Protein backbone atom coordinates (compact mmCIF):
# COMPACT_ATOMS: atom_id res chain seq x y z
CA UNK A 1 85.75 77.38 107.84
CA UNK A 2 86.10 79.90 105.10
CA UNK A 3 86.23 78.45 101.59
CA UNK A 4 86.91 81.68 99.74
CA UNK A 5 90.14 81.97 97.84
CA UNK A 6 92.11 84.56 99.77
CA UNK A 7 95.17 86.64 99.16
CA UNK A 8 97.02 88.40 101.94
CA UNK A 9 99.00 91.48 100.90
CA UNK A 10 101.47 92.34 103.50
CA UNK A 11 103.66 95.41 103.51
CA UNK A 12 106.76 94.67 105.75
CA UNK A 13 107.95 98.14 106.17
CA UNK A 14 104.58 99.67 107.17
CA UNK A 15 104.03 100.51 110.82
CA UNK A 16 105.77 99.82 114.09
CA UNK A 17 105.15 96.17 114.74
CA UNK A 18 107.31 93.51 112.93
CA UNK A 19 105.35 90.52 114.21
CA UNK A 20 101.98 91.35 112.56
CA UNK A 21 102.43 88.73 109.98
CA UNK A 22 102.62 86.09 112.58
CA UNK A 23 99.44 87.39 114.26
CA UNK A 24 97.54 87.57 110.93
CA UNK A 25 98.63 84.09 109.86
CA UNK A 26 97.66 82.71 113.36
CA UNK A 27 94.02 84.05 112.91
CA UNK A 28 93.81 82.85 109.37
CA UNK A 29 95.03 79.34 110.34
CA UNK A 30 92.70 78.98 113.28
CA UNK A 31 89.84 79.80 110.91
CA UNK A 32 91.10 77.14 108.42
CA UNK A 33 91.48 79.88 105.69
CA UNK A 34 93.48 78.84 102.54
CA UNK A 35 95.46 81.86 101.51
CA UNK A 36 98.40 82.95 99.57
CA UNK A 37 100.85 85.68 100.79
CA UNK A 38 102.27 88.62 98.79
CA UNK A 39 104.99 90.52 100.62
CA UNK A 40 105.43 93.87 98.84
CA UNK A 41 108.90 94.87 97.83
CA UNK A 42 108.06 98.18 95.97
CA UNK A 43 105.31 100.30 94.72
CA UNK A 44 104.70 98.11 91.61
CA UNK A 45 104.60 94.77 93.62
CA UNK A 46 100.76 94.65 93.94
CA UNK A 47 99.98 95.84 90.39
CA UNK A 48 102.37 93.26 88.86
CA UNK A 49 100.86 90.40 90.98
CA UNK A 50 97.18 91.18 90.50
CA UNK A 51 97.71 91.66 86.76
CA UNK A 52 98.68 87.88 86.59
CA UNK A 53 96.20 86.67 89.20
CA UNK A 54 93.18 88.94 88.65
CA UNK A 55 90.59 86.12 88.53
CA UNK A 56 92.05 83.95 91.38
CA UNK A 57 90.75 85.46 94.64
CA UNK A 58 87.36 85.97 96.23
CA UNK A 59 88.74 88.07 99.15
CA UNK A 60 91.89 90.30 99.45
CA UNK A 61 93.30 91.18 102.89
CA UNK A 62 95.46 94.17 102.87
CA UNK A 63 97.90 94.51 105.89
CA UNK A 64 99.39 97.94 105.52
CA UNK A 65 98.93 101.69 105.66
CA UNK A 66 96.94 103.92 103.37
CA UNK A 67 99.50 103.64 100.66
CA UNK A 68 99.26 99.89 100.48
CA UNK A 69 95.53 100.07 100.50
CA UNK A 70 95.39 102.70 97.74
CA UNK A 71 97.84 100.61 95.51
CA UNK A 72 95.71 97.60 95.96
CA UNK A 73 92.39 99.30 95.05
CA UNK A 74 94.09 101.08 92.11
CA UNK A 75 95.08 97.68 90.77
CA UNK A 76 91.66 96.16 91.40
CA UNK A 77 89.91 98.88 89.37
CA UNK A 78 92.44 98.88 86.67
CA UNK A 79 92.20 95.07 86.20
CA UNK A 80 88.32 95.01 86.96
CA UNK A 81 88.88 92.76 89.96
CA UNK A 82 85.63 92.33 91.94
CA UNK A 83 87.21 90.67 95.10
CA UNK A 84 85.91 91.76 98.53
CA UNK A 85 88.56 93.55 100.57
CA UNK A 86 89.55 93.22 104.26
CA UNK A 87 91.84 95.73 105.82
CA UNK A 88 94.32 94.94 108.67
CA UNK A 89 95.59 98.32 109.51
CA UNK A 90 99.36 98.39 110.35
CA UNK A 91 100.51 101.72 108.98
CA UNK A 92 101.67 104.71 110.95
CA UNK A 93 98.44 106.51 110.70
CA UNK A 94 95.75 104.31 109.02
CA UNK A 95 93.67 107.33 108.21
CA UNK A 96 91.37 105.45 105.85
CA UNK A 97 90.76 102.53 108.17
CA UNK A 98 90.10 104.85 111.15
CA UNK A 99 87.55 106.82 109.15
CA UNK A 100 85.67 103.58 108.45
CA UNK A 101 85.87 102.27 111.93
CA UNK A 102 88.06 99.31 110.91
CA UNK A 103 90.53 97.87 113.38
CA UNK A 104 92.72 94.82 113.57
CA UNK A 105 89.78 93.03 115.27
CA UNK A 106 88.04 93.19 111.97
CA UNK A 107 89.98 90.22 110.66
CA UNK A 108 88.74 88.11 113.54
CA UNK A 109 85.23 89.16 112.85
CA UNK A 110 85.49 87.94 109.28
CA UNK A 111 86.98 84.60 110.23
CA UNK A 112 84.32 84.13 112.98
CA UNK A 113 81.54 85.28 110.38
CA UNK A 114 80.48 88.16 112.65
CA UNK A 115 81.64 90.88 110.28
CA UNK A 116 79.74 93.72 108.52
CA UNK A 117 79.78 94.41 104.84
CA UNK A 118 80.25 98.02 103.53
CA UNK A 119 80.01 99.31 100.08
CA UNK A 120 82.10 102.55 99.59
CA UNK A 121 82.65 105.02 96.76
CA UNK A 122 85.85 105.14 94.93
CA UNK A 123 87.11 108.03 92.73
CA UNK A 124 88.98 107.81 89.36
CA UNK A 125 91.06 110.69 87.95
CA UNK A 126 92.14 111.51 84.37
CA UNK A 127 90.39 108.38 82.95
CA UNK A 128 91.86 105.26 84.51
CA UNK A 129 93.68 105.75 87.96
CA UNK A 130 91.92 105.57 91.20
CA UNK A 131 92.15 107.04 94.72
CA UNK A 132 90.37 106.00 97.80
CA UNK A 133 90.03 109.02 100.15
CA UNK A 134 91.81 112.15 98.90
CA UNK A 135 93.48 114.08 96.10
CA UNK A 136 95.18 117.20 97.26
CA UNK A 137 97.42 120.02 95.96
CA UNK A 138 99.16 122.98 97.61
CA UNK A 139 100.78 123.72 100.94
CA UNK A 140 100.58 120.86 103.60
CA UNK A 141 100.04 118.19 100.90
CA UNK A 142 103.75 117.25 100.62
CA UNK A 143 103.74 116.50 104.36
CA UNK A 144 102.24 112.86 104.14
CA UNK A 145 104.71 111.71 101.44
CA UNK A 146 107.86 113.60 102.54
CA UNK A 147 107.67 113.04 106.26
CA UNK A 148 110.42 110.31 106.89
CA UNK A 149 109.09 106.80 107.28
CA UNK A 150 111.22 106.38 110.57
CA UNK A 151 109.59 109.57 111.96
CA UNK A 152 106.16 108.26 111.07
CA UNK A 153 106.72 104.94 112.60
CA UNK A 154 107.92 106.39 115.92
CA UNK A 155 105.38 109.38 116.17
CA UNK A 156 102.46 108.35 114.00
CA UNK A 157 100.02 111.22 113.51
CA UNK A 158 102.12 113.66 115.46
CA UNK A 159 104.99 113.17 112.80
CA UNK A 160 102.81 114.96 110.30
CA UNK A 161 102.11 117.84 112.59
CA UNK A 162 105.92 118.17 113.45
CA UNK A 163 106.92 118.10 109.75
CA UNK A 164 103.94 120.27 108.59
CA UNK A 165 104.67 122.86 111.29
CA UNK A 166 108.27 123.03 110.12
CA UNK A 167 107.14 123.24 106.36
CA UNK A 168 104.33 125.81 106.97
CA UNK A 169 106.36 128.29 109.19
CA UNK A 170 109.89 128.05 107.64
CA UNK A 171 109.15 127.60 104.01
CA UNK A 172 107.51 130.11 101.65
CA UNK A 173 103.73 129.92 101.36
CA UNK A 174 103.00 129.08 97.71
CA UNK A 175 99.84 130.04 95.78
CA UNK A 176 98.24 128.16 92.87
CA UNK A 177 95.98 129.78 90.28
CA UNK A 178 93.17 127.38 89.40
CA UNK A 179 89.79 126.91 87.78
CA UNK A 180 87.78 124.50 89.85
CA UNK A 181 84.50 122.95 88.56
CA UNK A 182 82.23 121.06 91.00
CA UNK A 183 79.21 119.64 88.97
CA UNK A 184 77.79 122.96 87.50
CA UNK A 185 79.52 125.28 89.90
CA UNK A 186 82.87 127.14 89.05
CA UNK A 187 85.52 128.60 91.46
CA UNK A 188 88.34 130.60 90.16
CA UNK A 189 91.29 132.32 91.81
CA UNK A 190 94.43 131.88 93.73
CA UNK A 191 94.54 129.18 96.39
CA UNK A 192 97.11 127.86 98.93
CA UNK A 193 95.47 124.49 99.18
CA UNK A 194 92.89 122.32 97.50
CA UNK A 195 91.60 118.90 97.43
CA UNK A 196 88.85 116.32 97.23
CA UNK A 197 88.08 113.94 99.92
CA UNK A 198 85.93 110.94 100.72
CA UNK A 199 87.04 110.93 104.38
CA UNK A 200 86.38 113.07 107.42
CA UNK A 201 90.04 114.27 107.40
CA UNK A 202 92.73 115.04 104.89
CA UNK A 203 96.29 114.41 105.99
CA UNK A 204 95.20 114.40 109.61
CA UNK A 205 95.50 118.15 109.30
CA UNK A 206 92.17 119.27 107.82
CA UNK A 207 89.17 117.84 109.67
CA UNK A 208 85.85 117.72 107.76
CA UNK A 209 82.31 117.50 109.05
CA UNK A 210 80.67 114.01 109.11
CA UNK A 211 80.76 112.57 105.77
CA UNK A 212 79.05 109.72 103.94
CA UNK A 213 81.30 107.19 102.24
CA UNK A 214 78.60 105.81 99.88
CA UNK A 215 76.50 108.71 98.77
CA UNK A 216 77.95 109.00 95.36
CA UNK A 217 79.58 112.50 96.02
CA UNK A 218 83.04 113.62 97.23
CA UNK A 219 83.80 116.61 99.34
CA UNK A 220 85.67 119.62 97.87
CA UNK A 221 87.73 121.87 99.99
CA UNK A 222 89.64 125.04 98.78
CA UNK A 223 91.64 127.58 100.75
CA UNK A 224 92.00 131.10 99.20
CA UNK A 225 95.29 132.93 99.10
CA UNK A 226 95.63 135.09 102.20
CA UNK A 227 96.14 138.84 101.19
CA UNK A 228 96.24 140.40 104.60
CA UNK A 229 97.69 139.29 107.97
CA UNK A 230 94.10 138.86 109.31
CA UNK A 231 93.37 136.37 106.39
CA UNK A 232 96.40 134.22 107.49
CA UNK A 233 95.10 134.26 111.07
CA UNK A 234 91.75 133.18 109.95
CA UNK A 235 93.15 130.25 108.07
CA UNK A 236 95.27 129.18 111.01
CA UNK A 237 92.32 129.67 113.53
CA UNK A 238 90.04 127.68 111.35
CA UNK A 239 92.40 124.73 111.08
CA UNK A 240 92.96 124.60 114.74
CA UNK A 241 89.18 125.01 115.61
CA UNK A 242 88.05 122.82 112.70
CA UNK A 243 85.52 125.60 111.75
CA UNK A 244 85.74 126.78 108.26
CA UNK A 245 82.78 129.12 108.09
CA UNK A 246 84.83 132.20 106.70
CA UNK A 247 85.64 133.67 103.33
CA UNK A 248 89.00 132.00 103.21
CA UNK A 249 87.54 128.53 102.75
CA UNK A 250 85.24 127.02 100.07
CA UNK A 251 83.52 123.79 100.93
CA UNK A 252 81.42 121.91 98.39
CA UNK A 253 80.56 118.38 97.21
CA UNK A 254 79.91 116.88 93.79
CA UNK A 255 79.89 113.80 91.56
CA UNK A 256 82.42 115.29 88.97
CA UNK A 257 85.09 117.67 89.98
CA UNK A 258 87.75 119.15 87.79
CA UNK A 259 90.96 121.31 88.39
CA UNK A 260 92.68 123.22 85.63
CA UNK A 261 95.82 125.32 85.80
CA UNK A 262 98.23 126.94 83.28
CA UNK A 263 101.12 125.29 85.10
CA UNK A 264 101.76 121.94 86.45
CA UNK A 265 101.52 121.26 90.07
CA UNK A 266 102.39 118.52 92.48
CA UNK A 267 99.47 116.31 93.63
CA UNK A 268 99.03 114.11 96.60
CA UNK A 269 97.06 110.95 96.21
CA UNK A 270 96.04 109.06 99.44
CA UNK A 271 99.06 110.34 101.21
CA UNK A 272 101.60 109.49 98.35
CA UNK A 273 103.09 111.67 95.63
CA UNK A 274 100.96 111.40 92.45
CA UNK A 275 102.97 113.40 90.03
CA UNK A 276 102.84 116.83 88.40
CA UNK A 277 99.61 117.73 86.62
CA UNK A 278 98.08 120.78 84.95
CA UNK A 279 94.62 119.39 85.02
CA UNK A 280 92.69 116.81 87.11
CA UNK A 281 89.32 115.30 86.29
CA UNK A 282 87.63 113.33 88.99
CA UNK A 283 84.64 110.96 88.66
CA UNK A 284 82.98 109.32 91.64
CA UNK A 285 82.08 105.53 91.36
CA UNK A 286 79.18 105.05 93.84
CA UNK A 287 79.39 102.01 96.06
CA UNK A 288 82.05 100.48 93.87
CA UNK A 289 84.17 98.60 96.50
CA UNK A 290 82.90 95.96 99.03
CA UNK A 291 84.76 95.96 102.37
CA UNK A 292 84.44 93.55 105.35
CA UNK A 293 84.87 94.96 108.85
């Protein structure tokens, strides 16, 4: 029996299965878990609820995709909530859960007390907002939040590739002039993509080498503007082969990373639109969040 005060955050429109709530409640009831349920209605549901109940729960179960997890952690950091989190992945891609090796079986492990405990890094940007695994700008980045939900539910990861293929080949390749600082190193120039990640993939399109989730640093990736046809071919080849050892790519890692531009650009946070910004200052908080799996 679990005596922890538990909140189940459930996103009813995330993923393909409509009977996930029944399955989750069956597991919790069998384990004699006392819990409250929050069904999200919009992007502010989690923030509004946790603002009023910030000291009530020892454990928060998040049943949803990357966006739901991101919204929950954002509210937890903003209101200084130290609850342990459990993820029940039910989104169309579940990139964050997959990177951490979390499955739907993790909830049973917790109820049966056979779970593991993880502490992972969390990033904050521009002072007080957080992200869990990626902040990106440029080409490709709109794919995760502009891909229709119905397409994502049917095709999963393939939906991003279909939508990204259309966007990349049929829309104009945009360039972004940026000054990027990674700890004491500076990168300047025109880029077609840039981002910070605490995962081994970004948008399921860019695959990174094996990374640590609790080393206190985030990975930086930049793709330079192609000036010749061969540069463009190098970029596409690298994306397909997942080998970025050429002059078109910059890979680095750091504790403090910033981006500055003379113009505002759209940013993607954990697969969702994060607004238009002319500067982004990121700080890594080492082992900030405790997770069960």
